[in-house]
Amino acid sequence: MKFNLIINADSDWQDSCNEALKLCQSIITNHQLDMVFFFGHAVNIINVSEVLKQWQQWQQSSGVSLCLCSAMVELHTNLKPNQQVEGFKVVGLASWVNAMEQADKVVEIN
């Protein structure tokens, strides 16, 4: 089964990101996970090195695409327009919509 996951977090985004990482690790043991989309306050992951490093390490070992919503990055972070974050892509909502269309299951973490 093919999954895609969105982290649509509020001010408790760190808890949401930690729970999402556990879920992602579980999903890839028996299923395919193509994308994790960071939305809302979840894009703040790029500002907290401890949480960021955990996701970067997991991405390197899993190969799953980690995507940050471009509009949310602009709103919630200090990332410059052409600045890159290792292991992550900054994409628009169209990329997430396309990923949802390709998935058998979409999971949302709040």
Protein backbone atom coordinates (compact mmCIF):
# COMPACT_ATOMS: atom_id res chain seq x y z
CA MET A 1 0.00 0.00 0.00
CA LYS A 2 1.25 3.46 -0.92
CA PHE A 3 1.05 6.16 1.78
CA ASN A 4 1.65 9.91 1.92
CA LEU A 5 1.64 11.89 5.15
CA ILE A 6 0.98 15.53 6.00
CA ILE A 7 2.03 17.10 9.28
CA ASN A 8 -0.47 19.92 9.75
CA ALA A 9 0.71 21.15 13.12
CA ASP A 10 -0.15 24.05 15.37
CA SER A 11 1.97 25.44 18.20
CA ASP A 12 2.69 21.88 19.49
CA TRP A 13 4.47 21.13 16.22
CA GLN A 14 7.46 19.41 17.88
CA ASP A 15 5.23 16.74 19.42
CA SER A 16 3.47 16.30 16.09
CA CYS A 17 6.79 15.92 14.25
CA ASN A 18 8.08 13.39 16.78
CA GLU A 19 4.90 11.30 16.53
CA ALA A 20 4.97 11.55 12.74
CA LEU A 21 8.54 10.26 12.61
CA LYS A 22 7.57 7.21 14.67
CA LEU A 23 4.62 6.60 12.36
CA CYS A 24 6.79 6.98 9.25
CA GLN A 25 9.30 4.48 10.60
CA SER A 26 6.46 2.04 11.19
CA ILE A 27 4.86 2.56 7.78
CA ILE A 28 8.01 1.84 5.78
CA THR A 29 8.51 -1.55 7.43
CA ASN A 30 5.58 -3.01 5.44
CA HIS A 31 4.42 -0.32 3.02
CA GLN A 32 5.60 2.37 0.63
CA LEU A 33 5.80 5.96 1.85
CA ASP A 34 6.50 8.49 -0.88
CA MET A 35 6.17 11.91 0.75
CA VAL A 36 5.97 13.63 4.10
CA PHE A 37 4.59 17.16 3.69
CA PHE A 38 5.29 19.68 6.46
CA PHE A 39 2.50 22.25 6.69
CA GLY A 40 1.53 24.96 9.18
CA HIS A 41 3.87 25.34 12.12
CA ALA A 42 5.53 22.01 11.25
CA VAL A 43 7.84 23.91 8.89
CA ASN A 44 9.56 25.22 12.03
CA ILE A 45 11.43 21.93 12.00
CA ILE A 46 14.18 23.69 10.05
CA ASN A 47 14.76 26.03 13.01
CA VAL A 48 15.37 23.32 15.64
CA SER A 49 18.54 21.39 14.90
CA GLU A 50 17.81 18.38 17.16
CA VAL A 51 14.47 17.60 15.50
CA LEU A 52 15.81 18.49 12.05
CA LYS A 53 18.77 16.09 12.37
CA GLN A 54 16.50 13.18 13.33
CA TRP A 55 14.42 13.69 10.19
CA GLN A 56 17.50 14.21 8.00
CA GLN A 57 19.05 10.96 9.23
CA TRP A 58 15.81 9.09 8.65
CA GLN A 59 15.45 10.59 5.17
CA GLN A 60 18.96 9.49 4.22
CA SER A 61 18.25 5.92 5.25
CA SER A 62 14.69 5.72 3.89
CA GLY A 63 14.84 7.84 0.74
CA VAL A 64 11.37 9.25 1.45
CA SER A 65 10.74 12.72 0.05
CA LEU A 66 10.47 15.36 2.79
CA CYS A 67 8.72 18.51 1.57
CA LEU A 68 8.15 21.87 3.21
CA CYS A 69 5.18 23.98 2.12
CA SER A 70 6.64 27.06 0.42
CA ALA A 71 3.91 29.41 1.68
CA MET A 72 4.33 28.21 5.26
CA VAL A 73 8.13 28.46 5.04
CA GLU A 74 7.73 32.07 3.96
CA LEU A 75 5.30 32.76 6.79
CA HIS A 76 6.94 30.90 9.69
CA THR A 77 10.72 30.76 9.04
CA ASN A 78 13.67 32.89 8.05
CA LEU A 79 14.68 30.63 5.15
CA LYS A 80 15.83 32.65 2.14
CA PRO A 81 14.11 31.99 -1.23
CA ASN A 82 17.02 30.01 -2.78
CA GLN A 83 18.35 28.53 0.47
CA GLN A 84 18.29 24.74 0.71
CA VAL A 85 17.81 22.50 3.75
CA GLU A 86 19.59 19.16 3.45
CA GLY A 87 17.12 16.32 2.96
CA PHE A 88 14.14 18.64 2.35
CA LYS A 89 12.53 20.26 -0.66
CA VAL A 90 10.49 23.45 -0.54
CA VAL A 91 7.42 22.91 -2.72
CA GLY A 92 4.00 24.36 -3.35
CA LEU A 93 0.64 22.86 -2.47
CA ALA A 94 0.32 21.46 -6.00
CA SER A 95 3.03 18.93 -5.15
CA TRP A 96 1.03 17.78 -2.13
CA VAL A 97 -2.18 17.54 -4.16
CA ASN A 98 -0.37 15.41 -6.74
CA ALA A 99 1.03 13.17 -3.99
CA MET A 100 -2.46 12.70 -2.51
CA GLU A 101 -3.79 11.65 -5.92
CA GLN A 102 -1.04 9.02 -6.24
CA ALA A 103 -1.50 7.53 -2.76
CA ASP A 104 -3.69 4.68 -1.62
CA LYS A 105 -3.86 6.24 1.85
CA VAL A 106 -3.22 9.77 3.11
CA VAL A 107 -2.51 10.31 6.79
CA GLU A 108 -2.74 13.67 8.56
CA ILE A 109 -0.95 14.36 11.84
CA ASN A 110 -2.11 17.43 13.78
